[in-house]
């Protein structure tokens, strides 16, 4: 049993990293606010993201190296672009996580207005 649970570990870690606020909260909220009016956007976004979630882990499993090492092989420009993109988006992502967490806390503890 423990051996089976250990096999699930990497999948849980990947799911925890890949499924975030946008999947659990914002998609549900969009459905509640707009019904099926925005389902096209959710489908499009997931269609665009799917190759990255599918082939990133496959690359790492096949080569035994991380995606960052693969980007480095493509040239320093690709690696620099990755870091710039990560740095540019990290503030927005952290803000979204903080706002959602604050909203949940306000609902749970009745501190909101």
PDB file of N, CA and C in Angstrom:
ATOM      1  N   UNK A   1       0.830  -1.191   0.000  1.00  0.00           N
ATOM      2  CA  UNK A   1       0.000   0.000   0.000  1.00  0.00           C
ATOM      3  C   UNK A   1       0.875   1.256   0.000  1.00  0.00           C
ATOM      4  N   UNK A   2       1.894   1.262   0.858  1.00  0.00           N
ATOM      5  CA  UNK A   2       2.776   2.423   0.937  1.00  0.00           C
ATOM      6  C   UNK A   2       3.508   2.651  -0.378  1.00  0.00           C
ATOM      7  N   UNK A   3       3.883   1.555  -1.035  1.00  0.00           N
ATOM      8  CA  UNK A   3       4.564   1.659  -2.326  1.00  0.00           C
ATOM      9  C   UNK A   3       3.653   2.322  -3.364  1.00  0.00           C
ATOM     10  N   UNK A   4       2.378   1.972  -3.343  1.00  0.00           N
ATOM     11  CA  UNK A   4       1.415   2.579  -4.272  1.00  0.00           C
ATOM     12  C   UNK A   4       1.240   4.066  -3.991  1.00  0.00           C
ATOM     13  N   UNK A   5       1.204   4.430  -2.735  1.00  0.00           N
ATOM     14  CA  UNK A   5       1.054   5.839  -2.360  1.00  0.00           C
ATOM     15  C   UNK A   5       2.278   6.637  -2.791  1.00  0.00           C
ATOM     16  N   UNK A   6       3.474   6.047  -2.657  1.00  0.00           N
ATOM     17  CA  UNK A   6       4.698   6.737  -3.080  1.00  0.00           C
ATOM     18  C   UNK A   6       4.697   7.021  -4.576  1.00  0.00           C
ATOM     19  N   UNK A   7       4.090   6.138  -5.357  1.00  0.00           N
ATOM     20  CA  UNK A   7       4.009   6.356  -6.802  1.00  0.00           C
ATOM     21  C   UNK A   7       3.133   7.558  -7.139  1.00  0.00           C
ATOM     22  N   UNK A   8       2.179   7.863  -6.278  1.00  0.00           N
ATOM     23  CA  UNK A   8       1.294   9.004  -6.508  1.00  0.00           C
ATOM     24  C   UNK A   8       1.965  10.331  -6.175  1.00  0.00           C
ATOM     25  N   UNK A   9       3.026  10.296  -5.395  1.00  0.00           N
ATOM     26  CA  UNK A   9       3.692  11.519  -4.935  1.00  0.00           C
ATOM     27  C   UNK A   9       4.007  12.521  -6.017  1.00  0.00           C
ATOM     28  N   UNK A  10       4.746  12.143  -7.066  1.00  0.00           N
ATOM     29  CA  UNK A  10       5.064  13.119  -8.118  1.00  0.00           C
ATOM     30  C   UNK A  10       3.823  13.691  -8.800  1.00  0.00           C
ATOM     31  N   UNK A  11       2.797  12.863  -8.956  1.00  0.00           N
ATOM     32  CA  UNK A  11       1.558  13.351  -9.565  1.00  0.00           C
ATOM     33  C   UNK A  11       0.872  14.386  -8.697  1.00  0.00           C
ATOM     34  N   UNK A  12       0.870  14.146  -7.384  1.00  0.00           N
ATOM     35  CA  UNK A  12       0.269  15.116  -6.474  1.00  0.00           C
ATOM     36  C   UNK A  12       1.041  16.429  -6.468  1.00  0.00           C
ATOM     37  N   UNK A  13       2.357  16.331  -6.503  1.00  0.00           N
ATOM     38  CA  UNK A  13       3.179  17.544  -6.535  1.00  0.00           C
ATOM     39  C   UNK A  13       2.908  18.327  -7.822  1.00  0.00           C
ATOM     40  N   UNK A  14       2.859  17.620  -8.955  1.00  0.00           N
ATOM     41  CA  UNK A  14       2.586  18.290 -10.228  1.00  0.00           C
ATOM     42  C   UNK A  14       1.193  18.903 -10.227  1.00  0.00           C
ATOM     43  N   UNK A  15       0.204  18.169  -9.735  1.00  0.00           N
ATOM     44  CA  UNK A  15      -1.159  18.701  -9.688  1.00  0.00           C
ATOM     45  C   UNK A  15      -1.227  19.931  -8.791  1.00  0.00           C
ATOM     46  N   UNK A  16      -0.515  19.891  -7.677  1.00  0.00           N
ATOM     47  CA  UNK A  16      -0.502  21.048  -6.785  1.00  0.00           C
ATOM     48  C   UNK A  16       0.128  22.270  -7.423  1.00  0.00           C
ATOM     49  N   UNK A  17       1.126  22.041  -8.263  1.00  0.00           N
ATOM     50  CA  UNK A  17       1.786  23.163  -8.936  1.00  0.00           C
ATOM     51  C   UNK A  17       0.995  23.636 -10.146  1.00  0.00           C
ATOM     52  N   UNK A  18       0.338  22.720 -10.839  1.00  0.00           N
ATOM     53  CA  UNK A  18      -0.341  23.068 -12.090  1.00  0.00           C
ATOM     54  C   UNK A  18      -1.755  23.587 -11.873  1.00  0.00           C
ATOM     55  N   UNK A  19      -2.412  23.110 -10.838  1.00  0.00           N
ATOM     56  CA  UNK A  19      -3.793  23.520 -10.583  1.00  0.00           C
ATOM     57  C   UNK A  19      -3.760  24.555  -9.481  1.00  0.00           C
ATOM     58  N   UNK A  20      -4.097  25.761  -9.834  1.00  0.00           N
ATOM     59  CA  UNK A  20      -4.004  26.847  -8.870  1.00  0.00           C
ATOM     60  C   UNK A  20      -5.311  27.593  -8.715  1.00  0.00           C
ATOM     61  N   UNK A  21      -5.196  28.835  -8.319  1.00  0.00           N
ATOM     62  CA  UNK A  21      -6.349  29.682  -8.051  1.00  0.00           C
ATOM     63  C   UNK A  21      -7.252  29.792  -9.273  1.00  0.00           C
ATOM     64  N   UNK A  22      -6.675  29.939 -10.438  1.00  0.00           N
ATOM     65  CA  UNK A  22      -7.499  30.123 -11.633  1.00  0.00           C
ATOM     66  C   UNK A  22      -8.372  28.908 -11.903  1.00  0.00           C
ATOM     67  N   UNK A  23      -7.860  27.721 -11.620  1.00  0.00           N
ATOM     68  CA  UNK A  23      -8.636  26.515 -11.891  1.00  0.00           C
ATOM     69  C   UNK A  23      -9.723  26.299 -10.850  1.00  0.00           C
ATOM     70  N   UNK A  24      -9.379  26.439  -9.606  1.00  0.00           N
ATOM     71  CA  UNK A  24     -10.312  26.092  -8.543  1.00  0.00           C
ATOM     72  C   UNK A  24     -11.308  27.194  -8.213  1.00  0.00           C
ATOM     73  N   UNK A  25     -10.891  28.420  -8.294  1.00  0.00           N
ATOM     74  CA  UNK A  25     -11.754  29.508  -7.853  1.00  0.00           C
ATOM     75  C   UNK A  25     -12.266  30.338  -9.021  1.00  0.00           C
ATOM     76  N   UNK A  26     -11.377  30.812  -9.856  1.00  0.00           N
ATOM     77  CA  UNK A  26     -11.798  31.744 -10.898  1.00  0.00           C
ATOM     78  C   UNK A  26     -12.676  31.087 -11.958  1.00  0.00           C
ATOM     79  N   UNK A  27     -12.399  29.840 -12.320  1.00  0.00           N
ATOM     80  CA  UNK A  27     -13.255  29.154 -13.292  1.00  0.00           C
ATOM     81  C   UNK A  27     -14.652  28.947 -12.716  1.00  0.00           C
ATOM     82  N   UNK A  28     -14.716  28.564 -11.456  1.00  0.00           N
ATOM     83  CA  UNK A  28     -16.002  28.380 -10.793  1.00  0.00           C
ATOM     84  C   UNK A  28     -16.744  29.703 -10.673  1.00  0.00           C
ATOM     85  N   UNK A  29     -16.014  30.741 -10.342  1.00  0.00           N
ATOM     86  CA  UNK A  29     -16.630  32.064 -10.213  1.00  0.00           C
ATOM     87  C   UNK A  29     -17.140  32.564 -11.561  1.00  0.00           C
ATOM     88  N   UNK A  30     -16.367  32.350 -12.615  1.00  0.00           N
ATOM     89  CA  UNK A  30     -16.812  32.751 -13.952  1.00  0.00           C
ATOM     90  C   UNK A  30     -18.095  32.021 -14.315  1.00  0.00           C
ATOM     91  N   UNK A  31     -18.181  30.741 -13.979  1.00  0.00           N
ATOM     92  CA  UNK A  31     -19.404  29.994 -14.242  1.00  0.00           C
ATOM     93  C   UNK A  31     -20.581  30.521 -13.450  1.00  0.00           C
ATOM     94  N   UNK A  32     -20.340  30.890 -12.198  1.00  0.00           N
ATOM     95  CA  UNK A  32     -21.419  31.425 -11.367  1.00  0.00           C
ATOM     96  C   UNK A  32     -21.872  32.798 -11.851  1.00  0.00           C
ATOM     97  N   UNK A  33     -20.943  33.630 -12.266  1.00  0.00           N
ATOM     98  CA  UNK A  33     -21.283  34.991 -12.694  1.00  0.00           C
ATOM     99  C   UNK A  33     -21.835  35.064 -14.108  1.00  0.00           C
ATOM    100  N   UNK A  34     -21.318  34.236 -15.013  1.00  0.00           N
ATOM    101  CA  UNK A  34     -21.659  34.374 -16.430  1.00  0.00           C
ATOM    102  C   UNK A  34     -22.306  33.137 -17.038  1.00  0.00           C
ATOM    103  N   UNK A  35     -22.538  32.107 -16.258  1.00  0.00           N
ATOM    104  CA  UNK A  35     -23.127  30.882 -16.800  1.00  0.00           C
ATOM    105  C   UNK A  35     -22.192  30.254 -17.823  1.00  0.00           C
ATOM    106  N   UNK A  36     -22.770  29.822 -18.937  1.00  0.00           N
ATOM    107  CA  UNK A  36     -21.964  29.199 -19.982  1.00  0.00           C
ATOM    108  C   UNK A  36     -21.415  30.219 -20.972  1.00  0.00           C
ATOM    109  N   UNK A  37     -21.598  31.498 -20.702  1.00  0.00           N
ATOM    110  CA  UNK A  37     -21.141  32.543 -21.624  1.00  0.00           C
ATOM    111  C   UNK A  37     -19.638  32.577 -21.829  1.00  0.00           C
ATOM    112  N   UNK A  38     -18.880  32.160 -20.837  1.00  0.00           N
ATOM    113  CA  UNK A  38     -17.417  32.187 -20.942  1.00  0.00           C
ATOM    114  C   UNK A  38     -16.800  30.801 -21.079  1.00  0.00           C
ATOM    115  N   UNK A  39     -17.616  29.800 -21.307  1.00  0.00           N
ATOM    116  CA  UNK A  39     -17.046  28.449 -21.418  1.00  0.00           C
ATOM    117  C   UNK A  39     -16.086  28.342 -22.591  1.00  0.00           C
ATOM    118  N   UNK A  40     -16.313  29.136 -23.636  1.00  0.00           N
ATOM    119  CA  UNK A  40     -15.399  29.126 -24.784  1.00  0.00           C
ATOM    120  C   UNK A  40     -14.001  29.559 -24.355  1.00  0.00           C
ATOM    121  N   UNK A  41     -13.931  30.552 -23.453  1.00  0.00           N
ATOM    122  CA  UNK A  41     -12.622  31.038 -22.996  1.00  0.00           C
ATOM    123  C   UNK A  41     -11.911  29.970 -22.163  1.00  0.00           C
ATOM    124  N   UNK A  42     -12.655  29.308 -21.289  1.00  0.00           N
ATOM    125  CA  UNK A  42     -12.049  28.257 -20.471  1.00  0.00           C
ATOM    126  C   UNK A  42     -11.544  27.108 -21.334  1.00  0.00           C
ATOM    127  N   UNK A  43     -12.330  26.721 -22.325  1.00  0.00           N
ATOM    128  CA  UNK A  43     -11.899  25.649 -23.218  1.00  0.00           C
ATOM    129  C   UNK A  43     -10.666  26.054 -24.020  1.00  0.00           C
ATOM    130  N   UNK A  44     -10.653  27.284 -24.523  1.00  0.00           N
ATOM    131  CA  UNK A  44      -9.511  27.767 -25.297  1.00  0.00           C
ATOM    132  C   UNK A  44      -8.243  27.815 -24.446  1.00  0.00           C
ATOM    133  N   UNK A  45      -8.364  28.341 -23.256  1.00  0.00           N
ATOM    134  CA  UNK A  45      -7.206  28.452 -22.362  1.00  0.00           C
ATOM    135  C   UNK A  45      -6.644  27.069 -22.035  1.00  0.00           C
ATOM    136  N   UNK A  46      -7.522  26.136 -21.708  1.00  0.00           N
ATOM    137  CA  UNK A  46      -7.048  24.787 -21.381  1.00  0.00           C
ATOM    138  C   UNK A  46      -6.485  24.074 -22.598  1.00  0.00           C
ATOM    139  N   UNK A  47      -7.020  24.352 -23.770  1.00  0.00           N
ATOM    140  CA  UNK A  47      -6.482  23.770 -24.999  1.00  0.00           C
ATOM    141  C   UNK A  47      -5.069  24.287 -25.271  1.00  0.00           C
ATOM    142  N   UNK A  48      -4.847  25.576 -25.013  1.00  0.00           N
ATOM    143  CA  UNK A  48      -3.523  26.170 -25.228  1.00  0.00           C
ATOM    144  C   UNK A  48      -2.524  25.666 -24.181  1.00  0.00           C
ATOM    145  N   UNK A  49      -2.978  25.493 -22.945  1.00  0.00           N
ATOM    146  CA  UNK A  49      -2.076  25.079 -21.875  1.00  0.00           C
ATOM    147  C   UNK A  49      -1.744  23.592 -21.903  1.00  0.00           C
ATOM    148  N   UNK A  50      -2.609  22.789 -22.486  1.00  0.00           N
ATOM    149  CA  UNK A  50      -2.438  21.334 -22.436  1.00  0.00           C
ATOM    150  C   UNK A  50      -1.073  20.854 -22.920  1.00  0.00           C
ATOM    151  N   UNK A  51      -0.573  21.313 -24.065  1.00  0.00           N
ATOM    152  CA  UNK A  51       0.735  20.800 -24.514  1.00  0.00           C
ATOM    153  C   UNK A  51       1.861  21.036 -23.504  1.00  0.00           C
ATOM    154  N   UNK A  52       1.810  22.157 -22.798  1.00  0.00           N
ATOM    155  CA  UNK A  52       2.856  22.440 -21.814  1.00  0.00           C
ATOM    156  C   UNK A  52       2.776  21.477 -20.633  1.00  0.00           C
ATOM    157  N   UNK A  53       1.553  21.190 -20.185  1.00  0.00           N
ATOM    158  CA  UNK A  53       1.375  20.256 -19.078  1.00  0.00           C
ATOM    159  C   UNK A  53       1.651  18.819 -19.504  1.00  0.00           C
ATOM    160  N   UNK A  54       1.467  18.514 -20.763  1.00  0.00           N
ATOM    161  CA  UNK A  54       1.692  17.153 -21.253  1.00  0.00           C
ATOM    162  C   UNK A  54       3.166  16.893 -21.546  1.00  0.00           C
ATOM    163  N   UNK A  55       3.794  17.798 -22.283  1.00  0.00           N
ATOM    164  CA  UNK A  55       5.133  17.513 -22.785  1.00  0.00           C
ATOM    165  C   UNK A  55       6.258  17.990 -21.873  1.00  0.00           C
ATOM    166  N   UNK A  56       5.979  18.886 -20.946  1.00  0.00           N
ATOM    167  CA  UNK A  56       7.005  19.277 -19.981  1.00  0.00           C
ATOM    168  C   UNK A  56       7.470  18.096 -19.140  1.00  0.00           C
ATOM    169  N   UNK A  57       6.546  17.393 -18.479  1.00  0.00           N
ATOM    170  CA  UNK A  57       6.955  16.210 -17.710  1.00  0.00           C
ATOM    171  C   UNK A  57       7.523  15.092 -18.584  1.00  0.00           C
ATOM    172  N   UNK A  58       7.008  14.958 -19.795  1.00  0.00           N
ATOM    173  CA  UNK A  58       7.549  13.925 -20.695  1.00  0.00           C
ATOM    174  C   UNK A  58       9.006  14.218 -21.039  1.00  0.00           C
ATOM    175  N   UNK A  59       9.307  15.492 -21.286  1.00  0.00           N
ATOM    176  CA  UNK A  59      10.691  15.871 -21.589  1.00  0.00           C
ATOM    177  C   UNK A  59      11.598  15.525 -20.412  1.00  0.00           C
ATOM    178  N   UNK A  60      11.158  15.902 -19.210  1.00  0.00           N
ATOM    179  CA  UNK A  60      11.975  15.641 -18.024  1.00  0.00           C
ATOM    180  C   UNK A  60      12.170  14.141 -17.807  1.00  0.00           C
ATOM    181  N   UNK A  61      11.125  13.357 -18.019  1.00  0.00           N
ATOM    182  CA  UNK A  61      11.237  11.907 -17.829  1.00  0.00           C
ATOM    183  C   UNK A  61      12.134  11.270 -18.889  1.00  0.00           C
ATOM    184  N   UNK A  62      12.042  11.751 -20.119  1.00  0.00           N
ATOM    185  CA  UNK A  62      12.813  11.146 -21.212  1.00  0.00           C
ATOM    186  C   UNK A  62      14.292  11.505 -21.157  1.00  0.00           C
ATOM    187  N   UNK A  63      14.594  12.738 -20.751  1.00  0.00           N
ATOM    188  CA  UNK A  63      15.986  13.191 -20.781  1.00  0.00           C
ATOM    189  C   UNK A  63      16.668  13.119 -19.423  1.00  0.00           C
ATOM    190  N   UNK A  64      15.881  13.078 -18.351  1.00  0.00           N
ATOM    191  CA  UNK A  64      16.467  13.071 -17.016  1.00  0.00           C
ATOM    192  C   UNK A  64      16.951  14.440 -16.573  1.00  0.00           C
ATOM    193  N   UNK A  65      16.542  15.476 -17.267  1.00  0.00           N
ATOM    194  CA  UNK A  65      16.934  16.839 -16.878  1.00  0.00           C
ATOM    195  C   UNK A  65      15.699  17.724 -16.816  1.00  0.00           C
ATOM    196  N   UNK A  66      15.837  18.842 -16.143  1.00  0.00           N
ATOM    197  CA  UNK A  66      14.706  19.745 -15.985  1.00  0.00           C
ATOM    198  C   UNK A  66      14.464  20.550 -17.257  1.00  0.00           C
ATOM    199  N   UNK A  67      13.307  21.189 -17.302  1.00  0.00           N
ATOM    200  CA  UNK A  67      12.999  22.051 -18.443  1.00  0.00           C
ATOM    201  C   UNK A  67      13.973  23.220 -18.539  1.00  0.00           C
ATOM    202  N   UNK A  68      14.428  23.705 -17.394  1.00  0.00           N
ATOM    203  CA  UNK A  68      15.381  24.817 -17.427  1.00  0.00           C
ATOM    204  C   UNK A  68      16.678  24.415 -18.116  1.00  0.00           C
ATOM    205  N   UNK A  69      17.120  23.196 -17.909  1.00  0.00           N
ATOM    206  CA  UNK A  69      18.314  22.726 -18.625  1.00  0.00           C
ATOM    207  C   UNK A  69      18.031  22.636 -20.124  1.00  0.00           C
ATOM    208  N   UNK A  70      16.824  22.211 -20.470  1.00  0.00           N
ATOM    209  CA  UNK A  70      16.442  22.160 -21.882  1.00  0.00           C
ATOM    210  C   UNK A  70      16.391  23.540 -22.506  1.00  0.00           C
ATOM    211  N   UNK A  71      15.848  24.509 -21.769  1.00  0.00           N
ATOM    212  CA  UNK A  71      15.817  25.890 -22.269  1.00  0.00           C
ATOM    213  C   UNK A  71      17.233  26.418 -22.462  1.00  0.00           C
ATOM    214  N   UNK A  72      18.119  26.071 -21.522  1.00  0.00           N
ATOM    215  CA  UNK A  72      19.505  26.533 -21.618  1.00  0.00           C
ATOM    216  C   UNK A  72      20.177  25.987 -22.873  1.00  0.00           C
ATOM    217  N   UNK A  73      19.845  24.753 -23.250  1.00  0.00           N
ATOM    218  CA  UNK A  73      20.406  24.174 -24.470  1.00  0.00           C
ATOM    219  C   UNK A  73      19.955  24.935 -25.717  1.00  0.00           C
ATOM    220  N   UNK A  74      18.784  25.559 -25.642  1.00  0.00           N
ATOM    221  CA  UNK A  74      18.282  26.338 -26.777  1.00  0.00           C
ATOM    222  C   UNK A  74      18.981  27.684 -26.906  1.00  0.00           C
ATOM    223  N   UNK A  75      19.699  28.072 -25.881  1.00  0.00           N
ATOM    224  CA  UNK A  75      20.430  29.333 -25.903  1.00  0.00           C
ATOM    225  C   UNK A  75      20.102  30.174 -24.688  1.00  0.00           C
ATOM    226  N   UNK A  76      21.028  31.043 -24.356  1.00  0.00           N
ATOM    227  CA  UNK A  76      20.829  31.888 -23.178  1.00  0.00           C
ATOM    228  C   UNK A  76      19.642  32.824 -23.343  1.00  0.00           C
ATOM    229  N   UNK A  77      19.341  33.227 -24.578  1.00  0.00           N
ATOM    230  CA  UNK A  77      18.210  34.124 -24.815  1.00  0.00           C
ATOM    231  C   UNK A  77      16.889  33.520 -24.372  1.00  0.00           C
ATOM    232  N   UNK A  78      16.716  32.228 -24.632  1.00  0.00           N
ATOM    233  CA  UNK A  78      15.486  31.544 -24.225  1.00  0.00           C
ATOM    234  C   UNK A  78      15.403  31.480 -22.706  1.00  0.00           C
ATOM    235  N   UNK A  79      16.509  31.182 -22.061  1.00  0.00           N
ATOM    236  CA  UNK A  79      16.539  31.111 -20.606  1.00  0.00           C
ATOM    237  C   UNK A  79      16.286  32.483 -19.988  1.00  0.00           C
ATOM    238  N   UNK A  80      16.864  33.511 -20.553  1.00  0.00           N
ATOM    239  CA  UNK A  80      16.636  34.877 -20.060  1.00  0.00           C
ATOM    240  C   UNK A  80      15.174  35.269 -20.250  1.00  0.00           C
ATOM    241  N   UNK A  81      14.593  34.926 -21.398  1.00  0.00           N
ATOM    242  CA  UNK A  81      13.173  35.218 -21.644  1.00  0.00           C
ATOM    243  C   UNK A  81      12.292  34.514 -20.616  1.00  0.00           C
ATOM    244  N   UNK A  82      12.647  33.284 -20.270  1.00  0.00           N
ATOM    245  CA  UNK A  82      11.897  32.541 -19.251  1.00  0.00           C
ATOM    246  C   UNK A  82      11.934  33.279 -17.913  1.00  0.00           C
ATOM    247  N   UNK A  83      13.119  33.711 -17.499  1.00  0.00           N
ATOM    248  CA  UNK A  83      13.241  34.399 -16.217  1.00  0.00           C
ATOM    249  C   UNK A  83      12.539  35.757 -16.232  1.00  0.00           C
ATOM    250  N   UNK A  84      12.595  36.460 -17.334  1.00  0.00           N
ATOM    251  CA  UNK A  84      11.886  37.748 -17.432  1.00  0.00           C
ATOM    252  C   UNK A  84      10.382  37.524 -17.330  1.00  0.00           C
ATOM    253  N   UNK A  85       9.878  36.538 -18.051  1.00  0.00           N
ATOM    254  CA  UNK A  85       8.450  36.230 -18.002  1.00  0.00           C
ATOM    255  C   UNK A  85       8.022  35.807 -16.602  1.00  0.00           C
ATOM    256  N   UNK A  86       8.828  34.986 -15.960  1.00  0.00           N
ATOM    257  CA  UNK A  86       8.522  34.552 -14.597  1.00  0.00           C
ATOM    258  C   UNK A  86       8.514  35.736 -13.645  1.00  0.00           C
ATOM    259  N   UNK A  87       9.511  36.590 -13.738  1.00  0.00           N
ATOM    260  CA  UNK A  87       9.589  37.755 -12.857  1.00  0.00           C
ATOM    261  C   UNK A  87       8.433  38.720 -13.119  1.00  0.00           C
ATOM    262  N   UNK A  88       8.082  38.906 -14.382  1.00  0.00           N
ATOM    263  CA  UNK A  88       7.022  39.858 -14.732  1.00  0.00           C
ATOM    264  C   UNK A  88       5.647  39.390 -14.264  1.00  0.00           C
ATOM    265  N   UNK A  89       5.428  38.084 -14.210  1.00  0.00           N
ATOM    266  CA  UNK A  89       4.101  37.583 -13.847  1.00  0.00           C
ATOM    267  C   UNK A  89       3.965  37.188 -12.385  1.00  0.00           C
ATOM    268  N   UNK A  90       5.061  37.070 -11.663  1.00  0.00           N
ATOM    269  CA  UNK A  90       4.963  36.569 -10.297  1.00  0.00           C
ATOM    270  C   UNK A  90       4.189  37.516  -9.381  1.00  0.00           C
ATOM    271  N   UNK A  91       4.256  38.801  -9.621  1.00  0.00           N
ATOM    272  CA  UNK A  91       3.545  39.746  -8.761  1.00  0.00           C
ATOM    273  C   UNK A  91       2.035  39.648  -8.978  1.00  0.00           C
ATOM    274  N   UNK A  92       1.628  39.521 -10.228  1.00  0.00           N
ATOM    275  CA  UNK A  92       0.205  39.385 -10.535  1.00  0.00           C
ATOM    276  C   UNK A  92      -0.347  38.092  -9.952  1.00  0.00           C
ATOM    277  N   UNK A  93       0.393  37.024 -10.086  1.00  0.00           N
ATOM    278  CA  UNK A  93      -0.055  35.736  -9.563  1.00  0.00           C
ATOM    279  C   UNK A  93      -0.157  35.787  -8.046  1.00  0.00           C
ATOM    280  N   UNK A  94       0.843  36.355  -7.390  1.00  0.00           N
ATOM    281  CA  UNK A  94       0.801  36.445  -5.934  1.00  0.00           C
ATOM    282  C   UNK A  94      -0.348  37.331  -5.474  1.00  0.00           C
ATOM    283  N   UNK A  95      -0.616  38.405  -6.205  1.00  0.00           N
ATOM    284  CA  UNK A  95      -1.737  39.278  -5.870  1.00  0.00           C
ATOM    285  C   UNK A  95      -3.054  38.523  -5.966  1.00  0.00           C
ATOM    286  N   UNK A  96      -3.232  37.752  -7.029  1.00  0.00           N
ATOM    287  CA  UNK A  96      -4.466  36.979  -7.199  1.00  0.00           C
ATOM    288  C   UNK A  96      -4.642  35.968  -6.071  1.00  0.00           C
ATOM    289  N   UNK A  97      -3.582  35.276  -5.715  1.00  0.00           N
ATOM    290  CA  UNK A  97      -3.654  34.297  -4.626  1.00  0.00           C
ATOM    291  C   UNK A  97      -4.001  34.992  -3.314  1.00  0.00           C
ATOM    292  N   UNK A  98      -3.407  36.139  -3.052  1.00  0.00           N
ATOM    293  CA  UNK A  98      -3.673  36.877  -1.819  1.00  0.00           C
ATOM    294  C   UNK A  98      -5.115  37.357  -1.761  1.00  0.00           C
ATOM    295  N   UNK A  99      -5.630  37.883  -2.866  1.00  0.00           N
ATOM    296  CA  UNK A  99      -7.012  38.375  -2.899  1.00  0.00           C
ATOM    297  C   UNK A  99      -8.000  37.234  -2.668  1.00  0.00           C
ATOM    298  N   UNK A 100      -7.781  36.116  -3.317  1.00  0.00           N
ATOM    299  CA  UNK A 100      -8.685  34.973  -3.140  1.00  0.00           C
ATOM    300  C   UNK A 100      -8.614  34.447  -1.712  1.00  0.00           C
ATOM    301  N   UNK A 101      -7.415  34.349  -1.168  1.00  0.00           N
ATOM    302  CA  UNK A 101      -7.264  33.879   0.206  1.00  0.00           C
ATOM    303  C   UNK A 101      -7.935  34.832   1.183  1.00  0.00           C
ATOM    304  N   UNK A 102      -7.789  36.128   0.964  1.00  0.00           N
ATOM    305  CA  UNK A 102      -8.438  37.117   1.824  1.00  0.00           C
ATOM    306  C   UNK A 102      -9.958  37.011   1.723  1.00  0.00           C
ATOM    307  N   UNK A 103     -10.467  36.788   0.524  1.00  0.00           N
ATOM    308  CA  UNK A 103     -11.912  36.629   0.348  1.00  0.00           C
ATOM    309  C   UNK A 103     -12.446  35.403   1.068  1.00  0.00           C
ATOM    310  N   UNK A 104     -11.713  34.311   0.978  1.00  0.00           N
ATOM    311  CA  UNK A 104     -12.125  33.087   1.675  1.00  0.00           C
ATOM    312  C   UNK A 104     -12.079  33.296   3.182  1.00  0.00           C
ATOM    313  N   UNK A 105     -11.009  33.924   3.666  1.00  0.00           N
ATOM    314  CA  UNK A 105     -10.889  34.187   5.106  1.00  0.00           C
ATOM    315  C   UNK A 105     -12.007  35.108   5.586  1.00  0.00           C
ATOM    316  N   UNK A 106     -12.339  36.132   4.800  1.00  0.00           N
ATOM    317  CA  UNK A 106     -13.414  37.051   5.179  1.00  0.00           C
ATOM    318  C   UNK A 106     -14.753  36.320   5.248  1.00  0.00           C
ATOM    319  N   UNK A 107     -14.985  35.407   4.319  1.00  0.00           N
ATOM    320  CA  UNK A 107     -16.233  34.636   4.338  1.00  0.00           C
ATOM    321  C   UNK A 107     -16.283  33.679   5.523  1.00  0.00           C
ATOM    322  N   UNK A 108     -15.164  33.038   5.805  1.00  0.00           N
ATOM    323  CA  UNK A 108     -15.134  32.072   6.900  1.00  0.00           C
ATOM    324  C   UNK A 108     -15.277  32.728   8.267  1.00  0.00           C
ATOM    325  N   UNK A 109     -14.610  33.860   8.440  1.00  0.00           N
ATOM    326  CA  UNK A 109     -14.567  34.486   9.756  1.00  0.00           C
ATOM    327  C   UNK A 109     -15.496  35.681   9.893  1.00  0.00           C
ATOM    328  N   UNK A 110     -16.232  36.013   8.841  1.00  0.00           N
ATOM    329  CA  UNK A 110     -17.199  37.102   8.911  1.00  0.00           C
ATOM    330  C   UNK A 110     -16.588  38.469   9.115  1.00  0.00           C
ATOM    331  N   UNK A 111     -15.385  38.683   8.595  1.00  0.00           N
ATOM    332  CA  UNK A 111     -14.726  39.973   8.787  1.00  0.00           C
ATOM    333  C   UNK A 111     -14.946  40.922   7.624  1.00  0.00           C
ATOM    334  N   UNK A 112     -15.560  40.445   6.542  1.00  0.00           N
ATOM    335  CA  UNK A 112     -15.789  41.300   5.372  1.00  0.00           C
ATOM    336  C   UNK A 112     -16.953  42.240   5.609  1.00  0.00           C
ATOM    337  N   UNK A 113     -17.086  43.214   4.724  1.00  0.00           N
ATOM    338  CA  UNK A 113     -18.189  44.171   4.900  1.00  0.00           C
ATOM    339  C   UNK A 113     -19.450  43.709   4.222  1.00  0.00           C
TER     340      UNK A 113
END
